[in-house]
Every structure is written in structure tokens, then in C-alpha cells.
């Protein structure tokens, strides 16, 4: 029996992203259809063709940035965007050379498109318009019922540009108890810190990168310059923690190229003198060589959470999240043969709980937080 007109209203709510999964977006056909409907509803609200084309161009820009050129303005799951996705996308748009990189991605996706002359940077007013466009299309997703639960609704309320400056400054941001940070949230914090460009930003990027690699706060505070080991033979940089006071063995973690770049940027500011690897900075912004205190780390968490549009969290939450990420990565390790056999179905099972047989036409996107490059 064919579904009636109300069938669409009874479709399952958008599945939430797993807190420990590294996938930010999944281009599942059913989710693409929801995103298309939200985008089309938003575009249909414009009275003139000129204003509609301008809005579609801004959606196209956002979709290109977030999907790396895989999606266009109406073929993207807008309902899966979270505040930290929006904040990172707007950071990319503010970078010098962003218009040319975006135009290159569009030409790569559409071979019939000719490269157009673009400005070196987007003017601030243009970025503000794109910010408003993102807010409007997410609001449309909310009105259509594509967002799951009150928690996600509160997250959407924090999307860049949706709350007034006065509200943003005065509204309390109390961290929920026993919070686990998602994989994407940690990567967003790394990127937000790195985009700062200051010594503090470089240090904080390394701080969150080490959490992302599975180190607890106590282990990070105990690191020294001697903890950094670089192998000229393999070209791999590892961080070695000290043995615990209870007799536990230390650990070694390998850094990726992006994380190594963050570390090198910080060491350029810090120097190679003895002392803690991550140190405090003075009022002039220069490293002081003192260990990070609990109060300093609380301030780091608060400031970077605001900058990256990540929900509030505490240093204790970071340690808990590091343990959870480590356990998750251990549990999901597979042999190459098995991984190639069921990679898609396993990932889609996590992201789409209500779908027992997801389509293999899906494609997974991990937003390029670390390098903010597209």
C-alpha cells in the first residue's frame, strides 16, 4: 500500500552522530533528501530571482567548504551540521585565498565549469551574509522536524549568528556533568586553537591534540621537552609519557603530520630549553616555562569552547574523553581484509541506528578540522 501525504512527517528523526566516531557527515540518500527539502524550502522564501540566486550561491559556498567539493547547495545533509562545524567553516572562509580554493573545488566537481575570477579574500560583509544563510537553513531543518530531541535543538541555537551578541556574552555556559567530547569536537578545538596564530593558540592546539591521541590531563602536564622523540629513520614523532606514581608503565603515542605541525609551531615559540613541554604564558604572550595549573586549564577549556562553538566542558571531561577514545579505537581495530569487507556497513550502523540495511551509496565525510585546508 502506497504511503499517504503524511508519510514524510512520520519518517524517523535524523540519527545522531556517534560521540566517538570520526565521521562528521554521512551522505546517505535519505539524509540528502532531507537536506534538499530544507534548502529548497529556504530558497523558495525569497521573492525575487536575484535574491534567490544570491542565497543559493552562499549555500553552494558552504556546501563546497564542508564537503570538500563533493556536494552542491541542495545535495547536502544540512540537518547534520553542529555549531562547531559552522564555526570551522566560517574560519576557513575568512582565510586569505579561500575564494580561489573554493572555486577550484567547484571546477573539479563540474568539468564543464570555467574558472571564474574571484577576490583574494571574502569581504567581512560577505562572510556575515554566509553566516546568516547557514543559520536560516538550519532553522528550516528544525522547523521541518529533522533535528532529534531538545539537546540537538539547544546545540542549533548556538550556531554562529543565531544568538545575539548580548545573549552570547551573558548566557551561562555550565558544563554538563560527566560529559564526553565527540571526536569532531576535539578536532574542532585543535583547529580553533591553531587558527589563533599566537603562542597560546599553538600551545592549546598541541594540548587538545594530545587529548585526541588519548593522553589524560595528568599525563600531559607531566610531559617535558625530553618526552618528544623523533626518529630520523622512520620520520615518526612520538610522545612518551613518564611511568605513573603507582608503578604503571608510561605510554607512547604517534603524532600525525598535522599534529606534528602544531607541535613544531609551539616549539618555535617555546624553544628547546628544559622544562615542561606545555607551559604557561605571560601577559606579553611569551612562554614562561611554568607547568599548567588546574585553573589555567579550566580557562583554556572555557575560552576554546567559546571560540570553537563547542558545548562547555571541564579538564576532567577531557581525561574521560581521552580514555573513551582510546577504548573506542581499540575496539574498532580490524584486520585489513575484514575492514575492507564491512567498513561501510559498520560505520553506517553507528550513524544510522534506525536503518537496518543502509544503502551502500553513502559516502562518509570527515570535515578537515586539523589543517582547515580544503
Protein backbone atom coordinates (compact mmCIF):
# COMPACT_ATOMS: atom_id res chain seq x y z
CA UNK A 1 0.00 0.00 0.00
CA UNK A 2 1.40 3.37 -1.01
CA UNK A 3 2.18 5.90 1.71
CA UNK A 4 -0.20 8.84 2.03
CA UNK A 5 0.65 12.54 2.21
CA UNK A 6 1.53 12.32 5.91
CA UNK A 7 4.19 9.65 5.40
CA UNK A 8 7.03 12.15 5.29
CA UNK A 9 6.09 13.57 8.69
CA UNK A 10 6.42 10.12 10.26
CA UNK A 11 9.89 9.38 8.88
CA UNK A 12 12.49 8.58 11.55
CA UNK A 13 14.27 11.56 13.09
CA UNK A 14 17.76 12.36 11.95
CA UNK A 15 20.20 9.91 13.56
CA UNK A 16 22.74 11.49 15.84
CA UNK A 17 26.43 11.22 15.20
CA UNK A 18 28.20 8.79 17.48
CA UNK A 19 30.17 10.64 20.20
CA UNK A 20 33.24 8.55 19.43
CA UNK A 21 33.03 8.27 15.65
CA UNK A 22 35.40 10.17 13.38
CA UNK A 23 32.78 10.70 10.67
CA UNK A 24 31.22 14.17 10.66
CA UNK A 25 28.73 13.70 7.83
CA UNK A 26 27.24 10.75 6.02
CA UNK A 27 25.78 11.30 2.57
CA UNK A 28 23.04 8.72 2.95
CA UNK A 29 20.28 9.09 0.30
CA UNK A 30 17.55 9.59 2.91
CA UNK A 31 19.58 12.29 4.63
CA UNK A 32 20.40 14.01 1.34
CA UNK A 33 16.65 14.13 0.65
CA UNK A 34 16.01 15.88 3.97
CA UNK A 35 18.78 18.39 3.35
CA UNK A 36 17.44 19.05 -0.14
CA UNK A 37 13.97 19.75 1.19
CA UNK A 38 15.31 22.16 3.83
CA UNK A 39 17.44 24.01 1.26
CA UNK A 40 14.61 24.23 -1.27
CA UNK A 41 12.17 25.49 1.37
CA UNK A 42 14.67 28.16 2.39
CA UNK A 43 15.35 29.23 -1.20
CA UNK A 44 11.64 29.39 -2.00
CA UNK A 45 11.18 32.04 0.71
CA UNK A 46 12.86 34.67 -1.50
CA UNK A 47 10.57 36.80 -3.62
CA UNK A 48 12.97 37.80 -6.38
CA UNK A 49 15.09 35.59 -8.59
CA UNK A 50 18.14 37.73 -7.89
CA UNK A 51 17.96 37.29 -4.10
CA UNK A 52 17.28 33.57 -4.53
CA UNK A 53 20.37 33.16 -6.74
CA UNK A 54 22.49 35.03 -4.18
CA UNK A 55 21.26 32.77 -1.37
CA UNK A 56 21.88 29.66 -3.46
CA UNK A 57 25.43 30.85 -4.18
CA UNK A 58 26.07 31.18 -0.44
CA UNK A 59 24.67 27.71 0.23
CA UNK A 60 26.89 26.42 -2.56
CA UNK A 61 29.93 28.02 -0.93
CA UNK A 62 29.14 26.46 2.45
CA UNK A 63 28.45 23.02 0.97
CA UNK A 64 31.70 23.15 -1.02
CA UNK A 65 33.75 24.06 2.05
CA UNK A 66 32.22 21.48 4.38
CA UNK A 67 32.08 18.60 1.89
CA UNK A 68 35.39 19.34 0.17
CA UNK A 69 33.60 19.89 -3.13
CA UNK A 70 31.56 16.67 -3.04
CA UNK A 71 28.17 18.36 -2.56
CA UNK A 72 26.31 21.32 -4.01
CA UNK A 73 23.79 23.68 -2.43
CA UNK A 74 20.80 21.31 -2.32
CA UNK A 75 22.59 17.95 -2.17
CA UNK A 76 23.98 18.25 1.34
CA UNK A 77 22.57 16.97 4.70
CA UNK A 78 22.23 20.39 6.34
CA UNK A 79 20.49 18.85 9.36
CA UNK A 80 23.72 17.10 10.38
CA UNK A 81 25.63 20.37 10.92
CA UNK A 82 26.58 21.17 14.50
CA UNK A 83 27.81 24.53 15.88
CA UNK A 84 31.49 23.56 15.72
CA UNK A 85 31.10 22.60 12.05
CA UNK A 86 29.71 26.06 11.31
CA UNK A 87 32.43 27.83 13.30
CA UNK A 88 35.19 25.95 11.47
CA UNK A 89 33.60 26.60 8.06
CA UNK A 90 33.44 30.33 8.76
CA UNK A 91 37.09 30.27 9.86
CA UNK A 92 38.03 28.75 6.51
CA UNK A 93 36.02 31.39 4.66
CA UNK A 94 37.89 34.19 6.44
CA UNK A 95 41.29 32.88 5.32
CA UNK A 96 43.22 34.63 2.59
CA UNK A 97 42.92 32.70 -0.68
CA UNK A 98 39.70 30.89 0.32
CA UNK A 99 37.65 32.09 -2.72
CA UNK A 100 40.20 30.67 -5.17
CA UNK A 101 40.39 27.31 -3.38
CA UNK A 102 36.60 27.06 -3.31
CA UNK A 103 36.34 27.93 -7.00
CA UNK A 104 38.93 25.25 -7.78
CA UNK A 105 36.85 22.63 -5.95
CA UNK A 106 33.74 23.64 -7.88
CA UNK A 107 35.54 23.32 -11.20
CA UNK A 108 36.90 19.94 -10.15
CA UNK A 109 33.37 18.70 -9.38
CA UNK A 110 31.86 20.20 -12.55
CA UNK A 111 34.18 19.70 -15.53
CA UNK A 112 32.01 21.98 -17.70
CA UNK A 113 32.51 24.93 -15.34
CA UNK A 114 35.13 27.53 -16.26
CA UNK A 115 37.29 29.04 -13.53
CA UNK A 116 35.95 32.47 -12.64
CA UNK A 117 37.95 35.43 -11.40
CA UNK A 118 37.47 35.71 -7.64
CA UNK A 119 38.73 38.13 -4.96
CA UNK A 120 41.74 37.26 -2.80
CA UNK A 121 39.51 37.14 0.29
CA UNK A 122 35.82 37.30 1.11
CA UNK A 123 34.83 40.75 2.46
CA UNK A 124 33.62 40.67 6.11
CA UNK A 125 30.13 41.63 4.98
CA UNK A 126 30.02 38.64 2.62
CA UNK A 127 31.11 36.30 5.43
CA UNK A 128 28.36 37.72 7.63
CA UNK A 129 25.77 37.04 4.91
CA UNK A 130 27.03 33.45 4.59
CA UNK A 131 26.79 33.10 8.37
CA UNK A 132 23.15 34.24 8.25
CA UNK A 133 22.43 31.83 5.39
CA UNK A 134 23.78 28.92 7.44
CA UNK A 135 21.61 29.92 10.39
CA UNK A 136 18.49 30.21 8.23
CA UNK A 137 18.85 26.81 6.57
CA UNK A 138 19.44 25.10 9.94
CA UNK A 139 16.36 26.84 11.33
CA UNK A 140 14.46 25.41 8.35
CA UNK A 141 15.72 21.92 9.28
CA UNK A 142 14.44 22.46 12.82
CA UNK A 143 11.02 23.62 11.63
CA UNK A 144 10.73 20.55 9.39
CA UNK A 145 11.41 18.28 12.38
CA UNK A 146 14.72 16.93 11.06
CA UNK A 147 16.59 17.51 14.31
CA UNK A 148 16.44 14.93 17.06
CA UNK A 149 15.50 15.93 20.60
CA UNK A 150 15.91 19.00 22.75
CA UNK A 151 19.66 18.52 23.15
CA UNK A 152 20.28 18.94 19.43
CA UNK A 153 17.87 21.88 19.34
CA UNK A 154 19.89 23.64 22.03
CA UNK A 155 23.05 22.93 20.02
CA UNK A 156 21.49 24.52 16.96
CA UNK A 157 20.63 27.61 18.99
CA UNK A 158 24.38 28.15 19.39
CA UNK A 159 25.08 28.18 15.66
CA UNK A 160 27.18 31.21 14.67
CA UNK A 161 24.98 34.24 14.20
CA UNK A 162 21.79 32.78 15.69
CA UNK A 163 22.09 34.31 19.16
CA UNK A 164 22.50 38.00 19.80
CA UNK A 165 25.86 39.32 20.98
CA UNK A 166 24.30 40.35 24.28
CA UNK A 167 22.85 36.90 24.87
CA UNK A 168 26.12 35.24 23.87
CA UNK A 169 28.04 37.26 26.46
CA UNK A 170 25.62 36.92 29.37
CA UNK A 171 24.15 33.44 28.93
CA UNK A 172 25.64 30.97 31.43
CA UNK A 173 27.63 28.13 29.88
CA UNK A 174 27.68 25.48 32.60
CA UNK A 175 29.33 22.21 31.55
CA UNK A 176 27.06 19.18 31.90
CA UNK A 177 28.28 16.55 34.33
CA UNK A 178 30.31 13.57 33.10
CA UNK A 179 30.43 14.83 29.53
CA UNK A 180 32.27 13.00 26.75
CA UNK A 181 33.59 15.15 23.92
CA UNK A 182 32.93 13.86 20.43
CA UNK A 183 35.76 13.08 18.04
CA UNK A 184 34.75 16.03 15.85
CA UNK A 185 34.57 18.39 18.83
CA UNK A 186 38.19 17.68 19.77
CA UNK A 187 39.33 18.20 16.19
CA UNK A 188 37.37 21.47 16.10
CA UNK A 189 39.12 22.61 19.29
CA UNK A 190 42.52 21.83 17.76
CA UNK A 191 41.69 23.80 14.63
CA UNK A 192 40.23 26.76 16.53
CA UNK A 193 43.33 26.97 18.71
CA UNK A 194 45.71 26.65 15.75
CA UNK A 195 43.90 29.40 13.83
CA UNK A 196 44.67 31.78 16.72
CA UNK A 197 48.25 32.20 15.48
CA UNK A 198 49.63 33.18 18.92
CA UNK A 199 51.91 31.20 21.22
CA UNK A 200 48.87 30.38 23.39
CA UNK A 201 46.96 29.17 20.34
CA UNK A 202 49.82 26.89 19.28
CA UNK A 203 50.15 25.51 22.82
CA UNK A 204 46.42 24.88 23.14
CA UNK A 205 46.34 23.15 19.74
CA UNK A 206 49.02 20.72 20.99
CA UNK A 207 47.14 20.33 24.29
CA UNK A 208 43.92 19.21 22.57
CA UNK A 209 45.84 17.13 20.02
CA UNK A 210 47.41 15.11 22.84
CA UNK A 211 43.96 14.56 24.37
CA UNK A 212 42.75 13.47 20.93
CA UNK A 213 45.59 10.93 20.83
CA UNK A 214 44.39 9.50 24.17
CA UNK A 215 46.53 11.19 26.85
CA UNK A 216 44.92 12.16 30.15
CA UNK A 217 45.44 15.61 31.67
CA UNK A 218 47.83 14.28 34.34
CA UNK A 219 49.98 12.68 31.64
CA UNK A 220 50.04 15.86 29.55
CA UNK A 221 51.04 18.05 32.50
CA UNK A 222 53.92 15.67 33.26
CA UNK A 223 55.42 15.86 29.76
CA UNK A 224 58.80 17.55 29.29
CA UNK A 225 60.80 18.53 26.23
CA UNK A 226 62.57 15.14 26.57
CA UNK A 227 59.19 13.45 26.05
CA UNK A 228 59.33 14.34 22.35
CA UNK A 229 61.07 11.59 20.36
CA UNK A 230 61.70 11.91 16.64
CA UNK A 231 63.04 9.03 14.55
CA UNK A 232 65.21 10.13 11.65
CA UNK A 233 64.95 6.62 10.25
CA UNK A 234 61.16 6.33 10.14
CA UNK A 235 60.30 10.05 10.22
CA UNK A 236 57.79 9.39 13.01
CA UNK A 237 57.37 11.70 16.01
CA UNK A 238 56.26 10.07 19.24
CA UNK A 239 55.38 11.46 22.66
CA UNK A 240 56.50 9.30 25.60
CA UNK A 241 54.78 9.71 28.97
CA UNK A 242 56.53 9.08 32.28
CA UNK A 243 55.74 6.00 34.38
CA UNK A 244 52.91 6.60 36.84
CA UNK A 245 53.49 7.08 40.58
CA UNK A 246 51.73 3.79 41.20
CA UNK A 247 54.33 1.89 39.22
CA UNK A 248 52.39 1.91 35.93
CA UNK A 249 54.35 1.94 32.70
CA UNK A 250 54.49 5.04 30.55
CA UNK A 251 52.86 5.20 27.14
CA UNK A 252 53.93 6.24 23.65
CA UNK A 253 51.69 7.88 21.09
CA UNK A 254 52.45 8.76 17.47
CA UNK A 255 51.56 12.16 16.05
CA UNK A 256 50.11 12.68 12.60
CA UNK A 257 51.63 15.22 10.21
CA UNK A 258 49.01 17.85 11.10
CA UNK A 259 49.63 17.32 14.80
CA UNK A 260 53.38 17.45 14.29
CA UNK A 261 52.99 20.82 12.56
CA UNK A 262 51.06 22.10 15.61
CA UNK A 263 53.86 20.85 17.88
CA UNK A 264 56.58 22.45 15.74
CA UNK A 265 54.71 25.78 15.77
CA UNK A 266 54.55 25.65 19.57
CA UNK A 267 58.24 24.70 19.90
CA UNK A 268 59.13 27.71 17.73
CA UNK A 269 57.61 29.87 20.50
CA UNK A 270 58.75 27.74 23.44
CA UNK A 271 62.32 27.00 22.40
CA UNK A 272 64.22 23.82 23.24
CA UNK A 273 65.12 24.61 26.84
CA UNK A 274 64.46 22.20 29.70
CA UNK A 275 61.12 22.20 31.48
CA UNK A 276 57.50 21.19 30.85
CA UNK A 277 56.51 20.60 27.25
CA UNK A 278 53.39 22.75 27.59
CA UNK A 279 53.96 25.78 29.77
CA UNK A 280 52.15 28.89 30.91
CA UNK A 281 52.44 32.18 29.02
CA UNK A 282 52.89 35.67 30.42
CA UNK A 283 50.89 38.82 29.80
CA UNK A 284 53.10 39.51 26.79
CA UNK A 285 52.05 36.15 25.33
CA UNK A 286 55.52 34.59 25.63
CA UNK A 287 56.08 31.19 27.29
CA UNK A 288 57.13 31.39 30.95
CA UNK A 289 58.33 27.83 31.44
CA UNK A 290 55.93 27.03 34.32
CA UNK A 291 53.67 23.99 34.39
CA UNK A 292 49.99 24.41 33.58
CA UNK A 293 47.82 24.57 36.68
CA UNK A 294 44.24 23.34 37.05
CA UNK A 295 42.97 26.95 36.97
CA UNK A 296 44.87 27.61 33.72
CA UNK A 297 43.40 24.51 32.10
CA UNK A 298 39.88 25.48 33.15
CA UNK A 299 40.44 28.85 31.45
CA UNK A 300 41.79 27.14 28.32
CA UNK A 301 38.71 24.89 28.17
CA UNK A 302 36.30 27.81 28.60
CA UNK A 303 37.95 30.11 26.05
CA UNK A 304 38.49 27.50 23.34
CA UNK A 305 34.97 26.09 23.79
CA UNK A 306 33.56 29.55 23.07
CA UNK A 307 35.87 30.05 20.10
CA UNK A 308 35.14 26.67 18.51
CA UNK A 309 31.39 26.77 19.35
CA UNK A 310 31.76 23.54 21.32
CA UNK A 311 29.47 22.88 24.29
CA UNK A 312 31.13 23.63 27.67
CA UNK A 313 33.43 21.03 29.22
CA UNK A 314 35.99 20.67 32.01
CA UNK A 315 39.57 19.29 32.15
CA UNK A 316 38.15 16.18 33.85
CA UNK A 317 35.86 15.68 30.85
CA UNK A 318 38.94 15.77 28.61
CA UNK A 319 40.63 12.95 30.55
CA UNK A 320 37.42 10.90 30.45
CA UNK A 321 37.09 11.56 26.72
CA UNK A 322 40.72 10.54 26.11
CA UNK A 323 40.09 7.19 27.81
CA UNK A 324 36.85 6.69 25.85
CA UNK A 325 38.54 7.48 22.53
CA UNK A 326 41.38 5.06 23.31
CA UNK A 327 38.94 2.26 24.16
CA UNK A 328 36.83 3.01 21.10
CA UNK A 329 39.85 2.84 18.79
CA UNK A 330 40.98 -0.44 20.33
CA UNK A 331 37.52 -1.98 19.95
CA UNK A 332 37.17 -0.94 16.31
CA UNK A 333 40.54 -2.24 15.10
CA UNK A 334 40.19 -4.84 12.37
CA UNK A 335 42.41 -6.74 10.03
CA UNK A 336 42.73 -5.02 6.62
CA UNK A 337 40.72 -7.78 4.93
CA UNK A 338 37.81 -7.55 7.36
CA UNK A 339 37.93 -3.76 7.40
CA UNK A 340 37.61 -3.55 3.62
CA UNK A 341 34.75 -6.04 3.74
CA UNK A 342 32.44 -4.30 6.22
CA UNK A 343 33.78 -0.74 6.64
CA UNK A 344 30.71 1.00 5.25
CA UNK A 345 28.11 -1.11 6.97
CA UNK A 346 29.78 -0.77 10.38
CA UNK A 347 30.10 3.00 10.15
CA UNK A 348 26.57 3.42 8.86
CA UNK A 349 25.23 1.17 11.60
CA UNK A 350 26.71 3.59 14.15
CA UNK A 351 25.40 6.71 12.46
CA UNK A 352 22.01 5.40 11.36
CA UNK A 353 20.66 3.35 14.22
CA UNK A 354 17.15 3.02 12.87
CA UNK A 355 18.29 1.76 9.45
CA UNK A 356 18.98 -1.98 9.49
CA UNK A 357 20.11 -2.12 5.85
CA UNK A 358 21.63 1.23 4.85
CA UNK A 359 22.38 1.92 1.24
CA UNK A 360 25.96 1.40 0.14
CA UNK A 361 25.61 4.52 -2.00
CA UNK A 362 26.50 6.52 1.12
CA UNK A 363 29.76 8.39 1.40
CA UNK A 364 31.36 9.48 4.64
CA UNK A 365 32.91 12.91 5.16
CA UNK A 366 35.36 13.85 7.86
CA UNK A 367 35.45 17.64 8.00
CA UNK A 368 39.06 18.90 7.63
CA UNK A 369 39.34 20.43 11.09
CA UNK A 370 43.03 19.89 11.78
CA UNK A 371 44.55 21.77 8.86
CA UNK A 372 41.42 23.77 8.00
CA UNK A 373 42.52 23.17 4.43
CA UNK A 374 40.18 22.39 1.56
